[in-house]
Amino acid sequence: MPIAPEQFVVTLQNMTASWLSSPLPSNYEKSFFDPEELAVVCSEMIDRWHSGQSSHPDAATLAATYTNDEAGGAAPPNDLLAIQFHPDVMANEEAWRKAKFSGPPEDPAAAEAPPA
């Protein structure tokens, strides 16, 4: 059975709390559902469900649903895209995005400056 909106909301809430302590620069903001972001985060979620690092109350069920291999990694993006417009998912994705990308903007010129 694919991940339910309520299960994904818990996952987003856990990730949001984590990102509050070490956010990325705000000028890198992406949606959770951006194809590159989605693939990376789904892989991380599956790793955490299988490793026991996840505090998700349904981690064992989710680990059983999504195997920690290429086949298991292909399903979550599609399952999450199917629920992305659920109102609770939308609200928590926005909170996740605001937490993850809440750091001060990075100055592109400073990143390109040669070392002194």
Foldseek 3Di string as FASTA:
>chain_A
DADDPVLVLVVLVVLLVVLLVPAAAQVVFDFCLPPVNVLVVLLVLLCCLVVVVDPRPCSVVLVVQQPNDPVSSVPNSVSCVVCCPPVSNVVSRVSSRCSRHVDHHDDPVVVPDDDD
